C-alpha cells in the first residue's frame, strides 16, 4: 500500500485497550474553526474572493464587501457567543486557527491563553493545500506556526488542513515538529500512520457532525436539526464505547453557529451529553497525549 492509498482495513474491529479518563466512553472534541481574516478576498490582495457563505456568491474582479462583512460577523460576535457558552459550561475547546486569521485578530491568542483553550494550526490562508507545490506549502506551514506562536505564546502541536491536504503535507508536518494532524475522516478513534519510517498520530475529523452543513443544501435548517444529529452520534459512540475507545469531533464556525438562531443547538448538545454522562470533554492535544501514553506506537 502506498503512503497515500486509503487504508480500508484500519483496526478491523480490534481497537487498542485504551480507556479514557474517569472511565468515560467517548472523548468529545469541540473544535471552533477561526478563519475570519484568512478567507480569500481581493481586498487582502488574493487572486479571488471566497464565494461561499449563506448563499453562493462569486463576485469577480472587485472586492466582495458583502462577503467580507459576513466573515467579520464571526470575529465580532459569533466567536464570543460560542466561546462564552462553552467556557461557562466548563467544556474544553480547541481553536483551529489560520495564521492570517490570528494576525488579523491577535486578541484570539490572548483569549485562548486566559481561558485555557488549545490552538491548533489550520493553514496560513483558509484554502486547500492539494494544489500547492512543496516549497509554497512548507512556507505556509512555517508562517502559520510563527503567527500562532507569537500571539498565543506556544507552538501549535496539531494541524488540520481546509479540505484536502497535499500528498506531502503529512511529511512536512512531521518535519516541522507537529505531533498529530486531523487531515482524515476515516475512523472514530485515533490511529498511527508511518511517515518515512516514523510513527505519526492522526486524530480523525468529521464533516457530518459539523455546523457547516447549515450551508450544505439545507441539511441542517433549524438549530434542533444539528443538536439532534450530534446527539444521535454521541449516543451511538456511547454504546460502542463500553467496549472500545471512541472519539467524537463537533466542528463549529463562529460565523455559522454563532448566529442567534443557531447557538441554541450548542446548548442542547452540551446538555444532552452531560445528561447522558460518559463523555470526556477534552482538547485535541489532551486526547493525543492520552492516546500516546496508553497506545504507544508499535
C-alpha atoms as a PDB file:
ATOM      1  CA  UNK A   1       0.000   0.000   0.000  1.00  0.00           C
ATOM      2  CA  UNK A   2       1.421   3.413  -0.958  1.00  0.00           C
ATOM      3  CA  UNK A   3       1.636   6.121   1.733  1.00  0.00           C
ATOM      4  CA  UNK A   4      -1.403   7.903   0.267  1.00  0.00           C
ATOM      5  CA  UNK A   5      -3.568   4.918  -0.593  1.00  0.00           C
ATOM      6  CA  UNK A   6      -6.579   4.689   1.771  1.00  0.00           C
ATOM      7  CA  UNK A   7      -6.284   2.043   4.469  1.00  0.00           C
ATOM      8  CA  UNK A   8      -9.581   0.189   4.161  1.00  0.00           C
ATOM      9  CA  UNK A   9      -8.867  -2.259   6.977  1.00  0.00           C
ATOM     10  CA  UNK A  10      -7.994   0.005   9.894  1.00  0.00           C
ATOM     11  CA  UNK A  11      -8.441  -1.618  13.289  1.00  0.00           C
ATOM     12  CA  UNK A  12     -10.854  -4.206  11.817  1.00  0.00           C
ATOM     13  CA  UNK A  13     -12.893  -4.005  14.999  1.00  0.00           C
ATOM     14  CA  UNK A  14      -9.910  -4.781  17.244  1.00  0.00           C
ATOM     15  CA  UNK A  15      -9.309  -1.454  18.911  1.00  0.00           C
ATOM     16  CA  UNK A  16      -6.460  -0.898  21.381  1.00  0.00           C
ATOM     17  CA  UNK A  17      -7.369  -1.480  25.027  1.00  0.00           C
ATOM     18  CA  UNK A  18      -7.452   2.227  25.819  1.00  0.00           C
ATOM     19  CA  UNK A  19      -9.854   3.714  28.354  1.00  0.00           C
ATOM     20  CA  UNK A  20     -10.480   7.428  28.560  1.00  0.00           C
ATOM     21  CA  UNK A  21     -10.033   9.283  31.873  1.00  0.00           C
ATOM     22  CA  UNK A  22     -12.722   8.750  34.522  1.00  0.00           C
ATOM     23  CA  UNK A  23     -13.925   5.667  32.596  1.00  0.00           C
ATOM     24  CA  UNK A  24     -15.587   7.918  30.015  1.00  0.00           C
ATOM     25  CA  UNK A  25     -16.917   6.099  26.982  1.00  0.00           C
ATOM     26  CA  UNK A  26     -16.430   8.915  24.460  1.00  0.00           C
ATOM     27  CA  UNK A  27     -13.732  11.546  24.097  1.00  0.00           C
ATOM     28  CA  UNK A  28     -15.597  14.648  22.895  1.00  0.00           C
ATOM     29  CA  UNK A  29     -13.641  17.275  20.972  1.00  0.00           C
ATOM     30  CA  UNK A  30     -15.330  20.612  20.285  1.00  0.00           C
ATOM     31  CA  UNK A  31     -13.375  22.451  17.581  1.00  0.00           C
ATOM     32  CA  UNK A  32     -14.032  26.093  16.752  1.00  0.00           C
ATOM     33  CA  UNK A  33     -12.546  26.991  13.375  1.00  0.00           C
ATOM     34  CA  UNK A  34     -11.161  30.536  13.391  1.00  0.00           C
ATOM     35  CA  UNK A  35     -10.921  31.514   9.725  1.00  0.00           C
ATOM     36  CA  UNK A  36     -12.154  35.097   9.643  1.00  0.00           C
ATOM     37  CA  UNK A  37      -9.484  37.248   8.040  1.00  0.00           C
ATOM     38  CA  UNK A  38      -7.908  34.255   6.292  1.00  0.00           C
ATOM     39  CA  UNK A  39     -10.592  33.749   3.640  1.00  0.00           C
ATOM     40  CA  UNK A  40      -9.722  34.568   0.051  1.00  0.00           C
ATOM     41  CA  UNK A  41     -10.615  38.184  -0.718  1.00  0.00           C
ATOM     42  CA  UNK A  42      -9.406  40.620  -3.330  1.00  0.00           C
ATOM     43  CA  UNK A  43      -9.281  43.239  -0.587  1.00  0.00           C
ATOM     44  CA  UNK A  44      -6.468  41.218   1.035  1.00  0.00           C
ATOM     45  CA  UNK A  45      -4.565  41.031  -2.240  1.00  0.00           C
ATOM     46  CA  UNK A  46      -5.727  37.479  -3.017  1.00  0.00           C
ATOM     47  CA  UNK A  47      -6.433  36.258  -6.521  1.00  0.00           C
ATOM     48  CA  UNK A  48     -10.212  35.963  -5.963  1.00  0.00           C
ATOM     49  CA  UNK A  49     -12.995  36.292  -3.414  1.00  0.00           C
ATOM     50  CA  UNK A  50     -14.307  33.448  -1.257  1.00  0.00           C
ATOM     51  CA  UNK A  51     -17.626  32.527  -2.943  1.00  0.00           C
ATOM     52  CA  UNK A  52     -19.481  30.628  -0.206  1.00  0.00           C
ATOM     53  CA  UNK A  53     -21.392  31.846   2.818  1.00  0.00           C
ATOM     54  CA  UNK A  54     -25.143  31.739   3.497  1.00  0.00           C
ATOM     55  CA  UNK A  55     -25.516  31.668  -0.280  1.00  0.00           C
ATOM     56  CA  UNK A  56     -23.031  31.035  -3.064  1.00  0.00           C
ATOM     57  CA  UNK A  57     -21.895  34.368  -4.474  1.00  0.00           C
ATOM     58  CA  UNK A  58     -18.916  34.558  -6.804  1.00  0.00           C
ATOM     59  CA  UNK A  59     -18.168  38.242  -7.370  1.00  0.00           C
ATOM     60  CA  UNK A  60     -15.370  38.550  -9.912  1.00  0.00           C
ATOM     61  CA  UNK A  61     -12.923  41.397 -10.422  1.00  0.00           C
ATOM     62  CA  UNK A  62     -13.718  43.591  -7.401  1.00  0.00           C
ATOM     63  CA  UNK A  63     -13.551  43.018  -3.623  1.00  0.00           C
ATOM     64  CA  UNK A  64     -16.775  41.470  -2.317  1.00  0.00           C
ATOM     65  CA  UNK A  65     -17.609  43.776   0.600  1.00  0.00           C
ATOM     66  CA  UNK A  66     -20.759  41.812   1.343  1.00  0.00           C
ATOM     67  CA  UNK A  67     -18.822  38.573   1.845  1.00  0.00           C
ATOM     68  CA  UNK A  68     -16.165  40.325   3.943  1.00  0.00           C
ATOM     69  CA  UNK A  69     -18.915  41.597   6.245  1.00  0.00           C
ATOM     70  CA  UNK A  70     -20.364  38.088   6.672  1.00  0.00           C
ATOM     71  CA  UNK A  71     -16.976  36.799   7.774  1.00  0.00           C
ATOM     72  CA  UNK A  72     -16.442  39.767  10.083  1.00  0.00           C
ATOM     73  CA  UNK A  73     -19.595  38.803  11.987  1.00  0.00           C
ATOM     74  CA  UNK A  74     -17.842  35.638  13.113  1.00  0.00           C
ATOM     75  CA  UNK A  75     -14.985  37.564  14.704  1.00  0.00           C
ATOM     76  CA  UNK A  76     -17.041  40.448  16.103  1.00  0.00           C
ATOM     77  CA  UNK A  77     -19.973  38.467  17.513  1.00  0.00           C
ATOM     78  CA  UNK A  78     -20.051  34.734  16.848  1.00  0.00           C
ATOM     79  CA  UNK A  79     -16.686  33.952  18.420  1.00  0.00           C
ATOM     80  CA  UNK A  80     -17.739  35.392  21.763  1.00  0.00           C
ATOM     81  CA  UNK A  81     -21.183  33.813  21.678  1.00  0.00           C
ATOM     82  CA  UNK A  82     -19.724  30.322  21.220  1.00  0.00           C
ATOM     83  CA  UNK A  83     -16.670  30.589  23.455  1.00  0.00           C
ATOM     84  CA  UNK A  84     -18.571  32.223  26.323  1.00  0.00           C
ATOM     85  CA  UNK A  85     -21.149  29.418  26.285  1.00  0.00           C
ATOM     86  CA  UNK A  86     -18.611  26.591  26.277  1.00  0.00           C
ATOM     87  CA  UNK A  87     -16.377  28.283  28.839  1.00  0.00           C
ATOM     88  CA  UNK A  88     -19.337  28.792  31.188  1.00  0.00           C
ATOM     89  CA  UNK A  89     -20.244  25.112  30.780  1.00  0.00           C
ATOM     90  CA  UNK A  90     -16.694  24.033  31.619  1.00  0.00           C
ATOM     91  CA  UNK A  91     -16.258  22.377  28.217  1.00  0.00           C
ATOM     92  CA  UNK A  92     -12.742  22.096  26.796  1.00  0.00           C
ATOM     93  CA  UNK A  93     -12.307  23.816  23.451  1.00  0.00           C
ATOM     94  CA  UNK A  94      -9.798  23.596  20.627  1.00  0.00           C
ATOM     95  CA  UNK A  95      -9.443  26.637  18.380  1.00  0.00           C
ATOM     96  CA  UNK A  96      -8.426  25.601  14.862  1.00  0.00           C
ATOM     97  CA  UNK A  97      -6.784  28.841  13.729  1.00  0.00           C
ATOM     98  CA  UNK A  98      -5.497  30.077  10.390  1.00  0.00           C
ATOM     99  CA  UNK A  99      -2.250  32.032  10.574  1.00  0.00           C
ATOM    100  CA  UNK A 100      -3.586  35.031   8.730  1.00  0.00           C
ATOM    101  CA  UNK A 101      -6.719  34.994  10.911  1.00  0.00           C
ATOM    102  CA  UNK A 102      -4.755  35.337  14.149  1.00  0.00           C
ATOM    103  CA  UNK A 103      -2.696  38.105  12.562  1.00  0.00           C
ATOM    104  CA  UNK A 104      -5.948  39.929  11.763  1.00  0.00           C
ATOM    105  CA  UNK A 105      -7.432  39.239  15.215  1.00  0.00           C
ATOM    106  CA  UNK A 106      -4.474  38.838  17.601  1.00  0.00           C
ATOM    107  CA  UNK A 107      -6.807  39.021  20.604  1.00  0.00           C
ATOM    108  CA  UNK A 108      -7.754  35.394  19.842  1.00  0.00           C
ATOM    109  CA  UNK A 109      -4.352  34.294  21.146  1.00  0.00           C
ATOM    110  CA  UNK A 110      -4.725  36.267  24.358  1.00  0.00           C
ATOM    111  CA  UNK A 111      -8.262  34.981  24.916  1.00  0.00           C
ATOM    112  CA  UNK A 112      -7.092  31.406  24.387  1.00  0.00           C
ATOM    113  CA  UNK A 113      -4.293  31.929  26.902  1.00  0.00           C
ATOM    114  CA  UNK A 114      -6.578  33.370  29.537  1.00  0.00           C
ATOM    115  CA  UNK A 115      -9.298  30.741  29.192  1.00  0.00           C
ATOM    116  CA  UNK A 116      -7.130  27.681  28.640  1.00  0.00           C
ATOM    117  CA  UNK A 117      -8.191  26.949  25.061  1.00  0.00           C
ATOM    118  CA  UNK A 118      -5.873  24.931  22.862  1.00  0.00           C
ATOM    119  CA  UNK A 119      -4.875  26.360  19.478  1.00  0.00           C
ATOM    120  CA  UNK A 120      -4.150  24.102  16.530  1.00  0.00           C
ATOM    121  CA  UNK A 121      -2.996  25.231  13.092  1.00  0.00           C
ATOM    122  CA  UNK A 122      -5.413  25.499  10.172  1.00  0.00           C
ATOM    123  CA  UNK A 123      -3.151  26.749   7.410  1.00  0.00           C
ATOM    124  CA  UNK A 124      -1.967  30.263   6.595  1.00  0.00           C
ATOM    125  CA  UNK A 125      -4.920  31.117   4.394  1.00  0.00           C
ATOM    126  CA  UNK A 126      -8.258  29.314   4.501  1.00  0.00           C
ATOM    127  CA  UNK A 127      -7.539  27.162   1.467  1.00  0.00           C
ATOM    128  CA  UNK A 128      -6.926  23.591   0.386  1.00  0.00           C
ATOM    129  CA  UNK A 129      -3.297  22.534   0.203  1.00  0.00           C
ATOM    130  CA  UNK A 130      -3.831  19.944  -2.517  1.00  0.00           C
ATOM    131  CA  UNK A 131      -2.797  22.400  -5.235  1.00  0.00           C
ATOM    132  CA  UNK A 132       0.264  23.864  -3.505  1.00  0.00           C
ATOM    133  CA  UNK A 133       3.790  22.950  -4.540  1.00  0.00           C
ATOM    134  CA  UNK A 134       6.073  21.659  -1.798  1.00  0.00           C
ATOM    135  CA  UNK A 135       8.054  24.862  -1.260  1.00  0.00           C
ATOM    136  CA  UNK A 136       4.922  27.008  -1.068  1.00  0.00           C
ATOM    137  CA  UNK A 137       3.304  24.645   1.394  1.00  0.00           C
ATOM    138  CA  UNK A 138       6.404  24.457   3.584  1.00  0.00           C
ATOM    139  CA  UNK A 139       6.432  28.249   3.750  1.00  0.00           C
ATOM    140  CA  UNK A 140       2.698  28.370   4.584  1.00  0.00           C
ATOM    141  CA  UNK A 141       3.184  25.919   7.451  1.00  0.00           C
ATOM    142  CA  UNK A 142       6.122  27.899   8.835  1.00  0.00           C
ATOM    143  CA  UNK A 143       4.234  31.210   8.625  1.00  0.00           C
ATOM    144  CA  UNK A 144       1.244  29.678  10.396  1.00  0.00           C
ATOM    145  CA  UNK A 145       3.366  28.293  13.227  1.00  0.00           C
ATOM    146  CA  UNK A 146       5.139  31.629  13.639  1.00  0.00           C
ATOM    147  CA  UNK A 147       1.898  33.638  13.792  1.00  0.00           C
ATOM    148  CA  UNK A 148       0.260  31.349  16.347  1.00  0.00           C
ATOM    149  CA  UNK A 149       3.379  31.180  18.499  1.00  0.00           C
ATOM    150  CA  UNK A 150       3.721  34.979  18.573  1.00  0.00           C
ATOM    151  CA  UNK A 151       0.106  35.626  19.509  1.00  0.00           C
ATOM    152  CA  UNK A 152      -0.633  32.582  21.706  1.00  0.00           C
ATOM    153  CA  UNK A 153       2.789  32.120  23.274  1.00  0.00           C
ATOM    154  CA  UNK A 154       3.030  28.423  22.366  1.00  0.00           C
ATOM    155  CA  UNK A 155       3.787  26.408  19.252  1.00  0.00           C
ATOM    156  CA  UNK A 156       0.763  24.516  17.937  1.00  0.00           C
ATOM    157  CA  UNK A 157       1.070  20.742  18.281  1.00  0.00           C
ATOM    158  CA  UNK A 158      -1.747  19.804  15.912  1.00  0.00           C
ATOM    159  CA  UNK A 159      -2.730  20.644  12.341  1.00  0.00           C
ATOM    160  CA  UNK A 160      -5.866  20.489  10.199  1.00  0.00           C
ATOM    161  CA  UNK A 161      -5.918  21.492   6.521  1.00  0.00           C
ATOM    162  CA  UNK A 162      -9.010  23.023   4.976  1.00  0.00           C
ATOM    163  CA  UNK A 163     -10.492  20.373   2.678  1.00  0.00           C
ATOM    164  CA  UNK A 164      -7.773  18.295   1.059  1.00  0.00           C
ATOM    165  CA  UNK A 165      -4.145  18.169   2.110  1.00  0.00           C
ATOM    166  CA  UNK A 166      -1.406  17.582  -0.452  1.00  0.00           C
ATOM    167  CA  UNK A 167       0.476  14.331  -0.936  1.00  0.00           C
ATOM    168  CA  UNK A 168       3.403  15.808   1.022  1.00  0.00           C
ATOM    169  CA  UNK A 169       1.516  17.701   3.775  1.00  0.00           C
ATOM    170  CA  UNK A 170       1.991  14.993   6.399  1.00  0.00           C
ATOM    171  CA  UNK A 171       5.722  14.703   5.725  1.00  0.00           C
ATOM    172  CA  UNK A 172       6.102  18.479   6.000  1.00  0.00           C
ATOM    173  CA  UNK A 173       4.167  18.481   9.282  1.00  0.00           C
ATOM    174  CA  UNK A 174       6.453  15.826  10.763  1.00  0.00           C
ATOM    175  CA  UNK A 175       9.482  17.831   9.624  1.00  0.00           C
ATOM    176  CA  UNK A 176       8.001  20.915  11.321  1.00  0.00           C
ATOM    177  CA  UNK A 177       7.578  19.077  14.614  1.00  0.00           C
ATOM    178  CA  UNK A 178       3.812  18.555  14.667  1.00  0.00           C
ATOM    179  CA  UNK A 179       2.705  15.727  16.934  1.00  0.00           C
ATOM    180  CA  UNK A 180      -0.617  14.999  15.250  1.00  0.00           C
ATOM    181  CA  UNK A 181      -2.891  16.080  12.446  1.00  0.00           C
ATOM    182  CA  UNK A 182      -6.618  15.847  11.761  1.00  0.00           C
ATOM    183  CA  UNK A 183      -6.463  15.503   7.972  1.00  0.00           C
ATOM    184  CA  UNK A 184      -8.548  12.332   7.877  1.00  0.00           C
ATOM    185  CA  UNK A 185     -12.201  11.379   8.221  1.00  0.00           C
ATOM    186  CA  UNK A 186     -11.900   7.595   8.271  1.00  0.00           C
ATOM    187  CA  UNK A 187     -12.378   6.461  11.875  1.00  0.00           C
ATOM    188  CA  UNK A 188     -13.991   7.227  15.226  1.00  0.00           C
ATOM    189  CA  UNK A 189     -10.703   6.687  17.034  1.00  0.00           C
ATOM    190  CA  UNK A 190      -7.102   7.956  16.845  1.00  0.00           C
ATOM    191  CA  UNK A 191      -4.533   5.889  14.985  1.00  0.00           C
ATOM    192  CA  UNK A 192      -0.909   5.976  13.848  1.00  0.00           C
ATOM    193  CA  UNK A 193       0.470   6.215  10.336  1.00  0.00           C
ATOM    194  CA  UNK A 194       4.002   5.707   9.109  1.00  0.00           C
ATOM    195  CA  UNK A 195       5.684   8.823   7.706  1.00  0.00           C
ATOM    196  CA  UNK A 196       9.105   7.999   6.299  1.00  0.00           C
ATOM    197  CA  UNK A 197       9.649   5.361   8.976  1.00  0.00           C
ATOM    198  CA  UNK A 198       8.356   7.491  11.846  1.00  0.00           C
ATOM    199  CA  UNK A 199       5.015   6.994  13.611  1.00  0.00           C
ATOM    200  CA  UNK A 200       2.664   9.958  13.349  1.00  0.00           C
ATOM    201  CA  UNK A 201      -0.647  10.295  15.178  1.00  0.00           C
ATOM    202  CA  UNK A 202      -3.913  11.060  13.389  1.00  0.00           C
ATOM    203  CA  UNK A 203      -6.990  12.368  15.213  1.00  0.00           C
ATOM    204  CA  UNK A 204      -9.780  11.987  12.642  1.00  0.00           C
ATOM    205  CA  UNK A 205     -12.024  14.964  11.994  1.00  0.00           C
ATOM    206  CA  UNK A 206     -15.682  14.851  10.892  1.00  0.00           C
ATOM    207  CA  UNK A 207     -17.780  16.723   8.355  1.00  0.00           C
ATOM    208  CA  UNK A 208     -21.164  15.299   9.340  1.00  0.00           C
ATOM    209  CA  UNK A 209     -21.180  16.474  12.992  1.00  0.00           C
ATOM    210  CA  UNK A 210     -20.233  19.918  11.755  1.00  0.00           C
ATOM    211  CA  UNK A 211     -22.212  23.141  11.612  1.00  0.00           C
ATOM    212  CA  UNK A 212     -21.034  23.774   8.047  1.00  0.00           C
ATOM    213  CA  UNK A 213     -23.925  21.562   6.980  1.00  0.00           C
ATOM    214  CA  UNK A 214     -26.221  24.510   7.601  1.00  0.00           C
ATOM    215  CA  UNK A 215     -24.789  25.634   4.239  1.00  0.00           C
ATOM    216  CA  UNK A 216     -24.954  22.167   2.669  1.00  0.00           C
ATOM    217  CA  UNK A 217     -28.173  22.287   0.624  1.00  0.00           C
ATOM    218  CA  UNK A 218     -30.075  22.875   3.861  1.00  0.00           C
ATOM    219  CA  UNK A 219     -29.017  19.606   5.514  1.00  0.00           C
ATOM    220  CA  UNK A 220     -29.476  21.482   8.809  1.00  0.00           C
ATOM    221  CA  UNK A 221     -32.082  24.244   8.877  1.00  0.00           C
ATOM    222  CA  UNK A 222     -33.183  24.655  12.483  1.00  0.00           C
ATOM    223  CA  UNK A 223     -30.862  24.540  15.493  1.00  0.00           C
ATOM    224  CA  UNK A 224     -32.675  21.360  16.585  1.00  0.00           C
ATOM    225  CA  UNK A 225     -31.534  19.599  13.397  1.00  0.00           C
ATOM    226  CA  UNK A 226     -27.885  19.973  14.347  1.00  0.00           C
ATOM    227  CA  UNK A 227     -28.483  19.212  18.020  1.00  0.00           C
ATOM    228  CA  UNK A 228     -30.412  16.011  17.305  1.00  0.00           C
ATOM    229  CA  UNK A 229     -27.842  14.814  14.776  1.00  0.00           C
ATOM    230  CA  UNK A 230     -24.876  15.335  17.078  1.00  0.00           C
ATOM    231  CA  UNK A 231     -26.824  13.823  19.976  1.00  0.00           C
ATOM    232  CA  UNK A 232     -27.532  10.704  17.924  1.00  0.00           C
ATOM    233  CA  UNK A 233     -23.829  10.387  17.047  1.00  0.00           C
ATOM    234  CA  UNK A 234     -22.886  10.710  20.710  1.00  0.00           C
ATOM    235  CA  UNK A 235     -25.434   8.072  21.751  1.00  0.00           C
ATOM    236  CA  UNK A 236     -24.111   5.540  19.228  1.00  0.00           C
ATOM    237  CA  UNK A 237     -20.494   6.103  20.227  1.00  0.00           C
ATOM    238  CA  UNK A 238     -21.514   5.978  23.904  1.00  0.00           C
ATOM    239  CA  UNK A 239     -22.948   2.496  23.398  1.00  0.00           C
ATOM    240  CA  UNK A 240     -19.910   1.301  21.438  1.00  0.00           C
ATOM    241  CA  UNK A 241     -17.601   2.996  23.934  1.00  0.00           C
ATOM    242  CA  UNK A 242     -18.430   0.431  26.576  1.00  0.00           C
ATOM    243  CA  UNK A 243     -16.073  -1.959  24.789  1.00  0.00           C
ATOM    244  CA  UNK A 244     -13.804   0.228  22.616  1.00  0.00           C
ATOM    245  CA  UNK A 245     -12.355   3.760  22.768  1.00  0.00           C
ATOM    246  CA  UNK A 246     -14.447   6.187  20.744  1.00  0.00           C
ATOM    247  CA  UNK A 247     -13.960   9.826  19.798  1.00  0.00           C
ATOM    248  CA  UNK A 248     -16.479  12.418  18.601  1.00  0.00           C
ATOM    249  CA  UNK A 249     -15.498  15.676  16.924  1.00  0.00           C
ATOM    250  CA  UNK A 250     -18.013  18.534  16.787  1.00  0.00           C
ATOM    251  CA  UNK A 251     -16.906  21.146  14.268  1.00  0.00           C
ATOM    252  CA  UNK A 252     -18.041  24.748  14.782  1.00  0.00           C
ATOM    253  CA  UNK A 253     -17.609  28.058  12.965  1.00  0.00           C
ATOM    254  CA  UNK A 254     -18.082  31.487  14.532  1.00  0.00           C
ATOM    255  CA  UNK A 255     -19.885  32.908  11.515  1.00  0.00           C
ATOM    256  CA  UNK A 256     -22.235  29.887  11.264  1.00  0.00           C
ATOM    257  CA  UNK A 257     -23.256  28.563  14.677  1.00  0.00           C
ATOM    258  CA  UNK A 258     -22.573  31.960  16.222  1.00  0.00           C
ATOM    259  CA  UNK A 259     -25.776  33.309  14.657  1.00  0.00           C
ATOM    260  CA  UNK A 260     -28.657  33.913  17.128  1.00  0.00           C
ATOM    261  CA  UNK A 261     -30.998  31.284  15.680  1.00  0.00           C
ATOM    262  CA  UNK A 262     -28.343  28.539  15.714  1.00  0.00           C
ATOM    263  CA  UNK A 263     -26.498  28.990  19.011  1.00  0.00           C
ATOM    264  CA  UNK A 264     -29.239  27.131  20.885  1.00  0.00           C
ATOM    265  CA  UNK A 265     -28.031  23.931  19.228  1.00  0.00           C
ATOM    266  CA  UNK A 266     -24.800  24.138  21.195  1.00  0.00           C
ATOM    267  CA  UNK A 267     -26.661  24.413  24.497  1.00  0.00           C
ATOM    268  CA  UNK A 268     -28.758  21.387  23.579  1.00  0.00           C
ATOM    269  CA  UNK A 269     -25.723  19.352  22.549  1.00  0.00           C
ATOM    270  CA  UNK A 270     -23.805  20.022  25.760  1.00  0.00           C
ATOM    271  CA  UNK A 271     -26.903  19.409  27.910  1.00  0.00           C
ATOM    272  CA  UNK A 272     -27.581  16.095  26.175  1.00  0.00           C
ATOM    273  CA  UNK A 273     -24.018  14.874  26.658  1.00  0.00           C
ATOM    274  CA  UNK A 274     -23.939  15.901  30.300  1.00  0.00           C
ATOM    275  CA  UNK A 275     -27.300  14.260  30.997  1.00  0.00           C
ATOM    276  CA  UNK A 276     -26.184  11.018  29.364  1.00  0.00           C
ATOM    277  CA  UNK A 277     -22.805  11.073  31.110  1.00  0.00           C
ATOM    278  CA  UNK A 278     -19.781   9.131  29.983  1.00  0.00           C
ATOM    279  CA  UNK A 279     -18.267  11.896  27.871  1.00  0.00           C
ATOM    280  CA  UNK A 280     -14.785  13.297  28.381  1.00  0.00           C
ATOM    281  CA  UNK A 281     -14.665  16.906  27.126  1.00  0.00           C
ATOM    282  CA  UNK A 282     -11.073  17.296  26.000  1.00  0.00           C
ATOM    283  CA  UNK A 283      -8.878  19.364  23.730  1.00  0.00           C
ATOM    284  CA  UNK A 284      -7.327  17.536  20.831  1.00  0.00           C
ATOM    285  CA  UNK A 285      -3.945  17.886  22.490  1.00  0.00           C
ATOM    286  CA  UNK A 286      -5.274  16.155  25.627  1.00  0.00           C
ATOM    287  CA  UNK A 287      -6.663  13.327  23.527  1.00  0.00           C
ATOM    288  CA  UNK A 288      -3.360  12.982  21.656  1.00  0.00           C
ATOM    289  CA  UNK A 289      -1.328  12.873  24.874  1.00  0.00           C
ATOM    290  CA  UNK A 290      -3.641  10.304  26.468  1.00  0.00           C
ATOM    291  CA  UNK A 291      -3.526   8.117  23.382  1.00  0.00           C
ATOM    292  CA  UNK A 292       0.251   8.303  23.123  1.00  0.00           C
ATOM    293  CA  UNK A 293       0.558   7.297  26.800  1.00  0.00           C
ATOM    294  CA  UNK A 294      -1.812   4.340  26.618  1.00  0.00           C
ATOM    295  CA  UNK A 295      -1.332   3.214  22.998  1.00  0.00           C
ATOM    296  CA  UNK A 296       2.314   3.896  22.157  1.00  0.00           C
ATOM    297  CA  UNK A 297       3.443   3.168  18.595  1.00  0.00           C
ATOM    298  CA  UNK A 298       4.447  -0.404  17.945  1.00  0.00           C
END
